[in-house]
Amino acid sequence: MTGMLAVSRAGHDKDTVYVITGEDGAYVYLADGLARTVEKPKRKNRKHIQVVKKTALQKPEDGFQDSEIRRAIKIYQEESNVKSGCN
C-alpha cells in the first residue's frame, strides 16, 4: 500500500487526502507534506481510510520527500476537486 493516495473517512481530518508512507499491522502512516510530514506521519487505522489512487508514488530507496507528496496530492486534487489537508 505504500505510495498510494488515501482519503481519511473518520476523525477530525475526514475527507483529507494523504499519501501512505508506511504500514504496521492494522495501522498505516499518512503524510500530506504540509502539516503531516514524512518525519511526523499520522498513524491511522486501516479501516478509517479509503485508497483512492493506487499508483501515486513509487517508493524511492531513500524514502519519500515532502515536495513529492505535495505534488502528487495537488495533481489528484486538480483532477477530482478534493479538499486539501491544510487550507
N, C-alpha and C. Protein backbone atom coordinates (compact mmCIF):
# COMPACT_ATOMS: atom_id res chain seq x y z
N MET A 1 0.81 -1.21 0.00
CA MET A 1 0.00 0.00 0.00
C MET A 1 0.85 1.26 0.00
N THR A 2 2.11 1.16 0.32
CA THR A 2 2.97 2.33 0.41
C THR A 2 3.02 3.06 -0.93
N GLY A 3 2.84 4.37 -0.88
CA GLY A 3 2.88 5.20 -2.08
C GLY A 3 1.51 5.49 -2.68
N MET A 4 0.46 4.88 -2.13
CA MET A 4 -0.88 5.10 -2.65
C MET A 4 -1.52 6.33 -2.01
N LEU A 5 -2.41 6.97 -2.74
CA LEU A 5 -3.19 8.07 -2.18
C LEU A 5 -4.38 7.50 -1.43
N ALA A 6 -4.69 8.11 -0.29
CA ALA A 6 -5.82 7.66 0.52
C ALA A 6 -6.56 8.87 1.08
N VAL A 7 -7.85 8.69 1.30
CA VAL A 7 -8.69 9.73 1.89
C VAL A 7 -9.13 9.25 3.26
N SER A 8 -9.02 10.12 4.25
CA SER A 8 -9.48 9.81 5.60
C SER A 8 -11.00 9.75 5.60
N ARG A 9 -11.57 8.70 6.18
CA ARG A 9 -13.02 8.53 6.24
C ARG A 9 -13.57 8.68 7.64
N ALA A 10 -12.73 8.92 8.63
CA ALA A 10 -13.19 9.09 10.01
C ALA A 10 -12.22 9.99 10.76
N GLY A 11 -12.73 10.68 11.76
CA GLY A 11 -11.91 11.53 12.60
C GLY A 11 -12.02 12.99 12.22
N HIS A 12 -11.26 13.83 12.92
CA HIS A 12 -11.32 15.27 12.67
C HIS A 12 -10.75 15.65 11.31
N ASP A 13 -9.99 14.76 10.69
CA ASP A 13 -9.39 15.02 9.39
C ASP A 13 -10.17 14.37 8.24
N LYS A 14 -11.43 14.08 8.47
CA LYS A 14 -12.27 13.41 7.48
C LYS A 14 -12.20 14.14 6.14
N ASP A 15 -12.13 13.38 5.04
CA ASP A 15 -12.07 13.87 3.66
C ASP A 15 -10.74 14.51 3.30
N THR A 16 -9.71 14.34 4.09
CA THR A 16 -8.38 14.86 3.78
C THR A 16 -7.61 13.81 2.99
N VAL A 17 -6.86 14.28 1.98
CA VAL A 17 -6.08 13.39 1.13
C VAL A 17 -4.67 13.26 1.69
N TYR A 18 -4.17 12.03 1.77
CA TYR A 18 -2.82 11.73 2.24
C TYR A 18 -2.14 10.75 1.30
N VAL A 19 -0.84 10.61 1.47
CA VAL A 19 -0.07 9.54 0.82
C VAL A 19 0.31 8.56 1.92
N ILE A 20 0.14 7.27 1.66
CA ILE A 20 0.53 6.24 2.62
C ILE A 20 2.04 6.08 2.57
N THR A 21 2.71 6.36 3.69
CA THR A 21 4.17 6.29 3.73
C THR A 21 4.69 5.04 4.42
N GLY A 22 3.81 4.31 5.09
CA GLY A 22 4.24 3.09 5.77
C GLY A 22 3.06 2.30 6.29
N GLU A 23 3.34 1.07 6.70
CA GLU A 23 2.31 0.18 7.22
C GLU A 23 2.84 -0.52 8.46
N ASP A 24 1.91 -0.86 9.38
CA ASP A 24 2.29 -1.57 10.60
C ASP A 24 1.06 -2.31 11.12
N GLY A 25 0.87 -3.54 10.69
CA GLY A 25 -0.26 -4.32 11.14
C GLY A 25 -1.58 -3.71 10.73
N ALA A 26 -2.39 -3.30 11.71
CA ALA A 26 -3.71 -2.74 11.44
C ALA A 26 -3.65 -1.24 11.18
N TYR A 27 -2.45 -0.64 11.17
CA TYR A 27 -2.31 0.80 11.01
C TYR A 27 -1.51 1.15 9.77
N VAL A 28 -1.77 2.35 9.25
CA VAL A 28 -0.97 2.91 8.17
C VAL A 28 -0.46 4.27 8.64
N TYR A 29 0.60 4.72 8.02
CA TYR A 29 1.18 6.02 8.35
C TYR A 29 0.97 6.93 7.15
N LEU A 30 0.39 8.10 7.41
CA LEU A 30 -0.04 9.00 6.35
C LEU A 30 0.69 10.34 6.45
N ALA A 31 1.02 10.91 5.29
CA ALA A 31 1.64 12.23 5.24
C ALA A 31 1.00 13.04 4.14
N ASP A 32 0.92 14.36 4.37
CA ASP A 32 0.40 15.25 3.33
C ASP A 32 1.46 16.25 2.87
N GLY A 33 2.65 16.21 3.46
CA GLY A 33 3.73 17.09 3.05
C GLY A 33 3.67 18.47 3.66
N LEU A 34 2.60 18.80 4.36
CA LEU A 34 2.45 20.12 4.98
C LEU A 34 2.40 19.98 6.50
N ALA A 35 1.22 19.72 7.03
CA ALA A 35 1.06 19.56 8.47
C ALA A 35 1.62 18.21 8.93
N ARG A 36 1.43 17.20 8.12
CA ARG A 36 1.94 15.86 8.42
C ARG A 36 3.06 15.54 7.44
N THR A 37 4.29 15.72 7.92
CA THR A 37 5.45 15.50 7.07
C THR A 37 5.89 14.04 7.13
N VAL A 38 6.88 13.70 6.36
CA VAL A 38 7.42 12.34 6.34
C VAL A 38 8.02 12.00 7.70
N GLU A 39 8.60 12.98 8.38
CA GLU A 39 9.21 12.74 9.69
C GLU A 39 8.18 12.55 10.79
N LYS A 40 6.99 13.15 10.65
CA LYS A 40 5.93 13.04 11.65
C LYS A 40 4.62 12.63 10.99
N PRO A 41 4.52 11.40 10.49
CA PRO A 41 3.28 10.98 9.81
C PRO A 41 2.16 10.72 10.80
N LYS A 42 0.95 10.75 10.28
CA LYS A 42 -0.24 10.45 11.08
C LYS A 42 -0.46 8.94 11.08
N ARG A 43 -0.63 8.36 12.26
CA ARG A 43 -0.95 6.94 12.37
C ARG A 43 -2.46 6.79 12.38
N LYS A 44 -2.98 5.96 11.48
CA LYS A 44 -4.43 5.83 11.36
C LYS A 44 -4.78 4.38 11.10
N ASN A 45 -5.90 3.96 11.67
CA ASN A 45 -6.41 2.61 11.47
C ASN A 45 -6.78 2.42 10.00
N ARG A 46 -6.41 1.26 9.44
CA ARG A 46 -6.69 0.97 8.03
C ARG A 46 -8.16 1.11 7.68
N LYS A 47 -9.04 0.73 8.60
CA LYS A 47 -10.46 0.76 8.28
C LYS A 47 -11.02 2.18 8.26
N HIS A 48 -10.23 3.18 8.64
CA HIS A 48 -10.68 4.56 8.63
C HIS A 48 -10.17 5.35 7.42
N ILE A 49 -9.58 4.64 6.44
CA ILE A 49 -9.14 5.29 5.22
C ILE A 49 -9.71 4.57 4.01
N GLN A 50 -9.70 5.27 2.89
CA GLN A 50 -10.11 4.67 1.62
C GLN A 50 -9.03 5.00 0.60
N VAL A 51 -8.46 3.97 -0.01
CA VAL A 51 -7.46 4.17 -1.05
C VAL A 51 -8.17 4.71 -2.28
N VAL A 52 -7.64 5.80 -2.85
CA VAL A 52 -8.30 6.42 -4.00
C VAL A 52 -7.47 6.32 -5.28
N LYS A 53 -6.18 6.16 -5.15
CA LYS A 53 -5.34 6.04 -6.33
C LYS A 53 -4.17 5.13 -5.99
N LYS A 54 -4.05 4.05 -6.73
CA LYS A 54 -3.07 3.03 -6.37
C LYS A 54 -1.66 3.32 -6.82
N THR A 55 -1.46 4.15 -7.83
CA THR A 55 -0.12 4.39 -8.34
C THR A 55 0.29 5.85 -8.22
N ALA A 56 0.22 6.42 -7.05
CA ALA A 56 0.56 7.83 -6.87
C ALA A 56 2.06 8.05 -6.88
N LEU A 57 2.80 7.31 -6.06
CA LEU A 57 4.25 7.48 -5.94
C LEU A 57 4.94 6.13 -5.86
N GLN A 58 6.10 6.03 -6.48
CA GLN A 58 6.96 4.87 -6.30
C GLN A 58 7.86 5.18 -5.11
N LYS A 59 8.01 4.21 -4.21
CA LYS A 59 8.83 4.46 -3.02
C LYS A 59 10.31 4.41 -3.40
N PRO A 60 10.99 5.55 -3.29
CA PRO A 60 12.42 5.56 -3.58
C PRO A 60 13.21 4.90 -2.45
N GLU A 61 14.42 4.52 -2.76
CA GLU A 61 15.26 3.84 -1.76
C GLU A 61 15.56 4.74 -0.56
N ASP A 62 15.68 6.05 -0.78
CA ASP A 62 15.99 6.97 0.30
C ASP A 62 14.75 7.51 1.00
N GLY A 63 13.55 7.01 0.63
CA GLY A 63 12.31 7.42 1.27
C GLY A 63 11.60 8.52 0.50
N PHE A 64 10.42 8.86 0.95
CA PHE A 64 9.60 9.88 0.31
C PHE A 64 10.11 11.27 0.67
N GLN A 65 9.85 12.22 -0.21
CA GLN A 65 10.15 13.62 0.03
C GLN A 65 8.82 14.37 0.17
N ASP A 66 8.76 15.34 1.07
CA ASP A 66 7.53 16.11 1.28
C ASP A 66 7.09 16.82 0.00
N SER A 67 8.04 17.30 -0.78
CA SER A 67 7.68 18.01 -2.02
C SER A 67 7.01 17.06 -3.01
N GLU A 68 7.47 15.82 -3.09
CA GLU A 68 6.85 14.83 -3.99
C GLU A 68 5.43 14.51 -3.53
N ILE A 69 5.24 14.41 -2.23
CA ILE A 69 3.92 14.12 -1.66
C ILE A 69 2.96 15.26 -1.96
N ARG A 70 3.40 16.50 -1.74
CA ARG A 70 2.55 17.66 -2.03
C ARG A 70 2.17 17.71 -3.51
N ARG A 71 3.13 17.42 -4.38
CA ARG A 71 2.87 17.45 -5.82
C ARG A 71 1.85 16.39 -6.22
N ALA A 72 1.99 15.17 -5.70
CA ALA A 72 1.06 14.08 -6.03
C ALA A 72 -0.35 14.41 -5.55
N ILE A 73 -0.47 14.97 -4.34
CA ILE A 73 -1.78 15.34 -3.80
C ILE A 73 -2.39 16.46 -4.62
N LYS A 74 -1.58 17.46 -4.99
CA LYS A 74 -2.09 18.58 -5.77
C LYS A 74 -2.61 18.11 -7.13
N ILE A 75 -1.90 17.24 -7.79
CA ILE A 75 -2.34 16.71 -9.09
C ILE A 75 -3.66 15.97 -8.93
N TYR A 76 -3.77 15.14 -7.89
CA TYR A 76 -5.00 14.40 -7.66
C TYR A 76 -6.17 15.36 -7.38
N GLN A 77 -5.93 16.39 -6.58
CA GLN A 77 -6.99 17.33 -6.24
C GLN A 77 -7.45 18.12 -7.46
N GLU A 78 -6.52 18.47 -8.32
CA GLU A 78 -6.90 19.19 -9.54
C GLU A 78 -7.76 18.31 -10.45
N GLU A 79 -7.47 17.01 -10.45
CA GLU A 79 -8.23 16.09 -11.27
C GLU A 79 -9.63 15.85 -10.71
N SER A 80 -9.76 15.88 -9.39
CA SER A 80 -11.04 15.49 -8.80
C SER A 80 -11.66 16.51 -7.85
N ASN A 81 -11.04 17.66 -7.66
CA ASN A 81 -11.59 18.71 -6.78
C ASN A 81 -11.88 18.21 -5.39
N VAL A 82 -10.86 17.69 -4.68
CA VAL A 82 -11.00 17.16 -3.33
C VAL A 82 -10.34 18.10 -2.35
N LYS A 83 -10.87 18.18 -1.14
CA LYS A 83 -10.38 19.04 -0.07
C LYS A 83 -8.93 18.73 0.30
N SER A 84 -8.15 19.75 0.57
CA SER A 84 -6.76 19.58 0.97
C SER A 84 -6.64 19.50 2.48
N GLY A 85 -5.48 19.07 2.97
CA GLY A 85 -5.27 18.89 4.40
C GLY A 85 -5.15 20.17 5.19
N CYS A 86 -4.44 21.17 4.67
CA CYS A 86 -4.19 22.39 5.42
C CYS A 86 -4.58 23.61 4.63
N ASN A 87 -5.83 23.94 4.64
CA ASN A 87 -6.27 25.17 3.97
C ASN A 87 -6.77 26.15 4.96
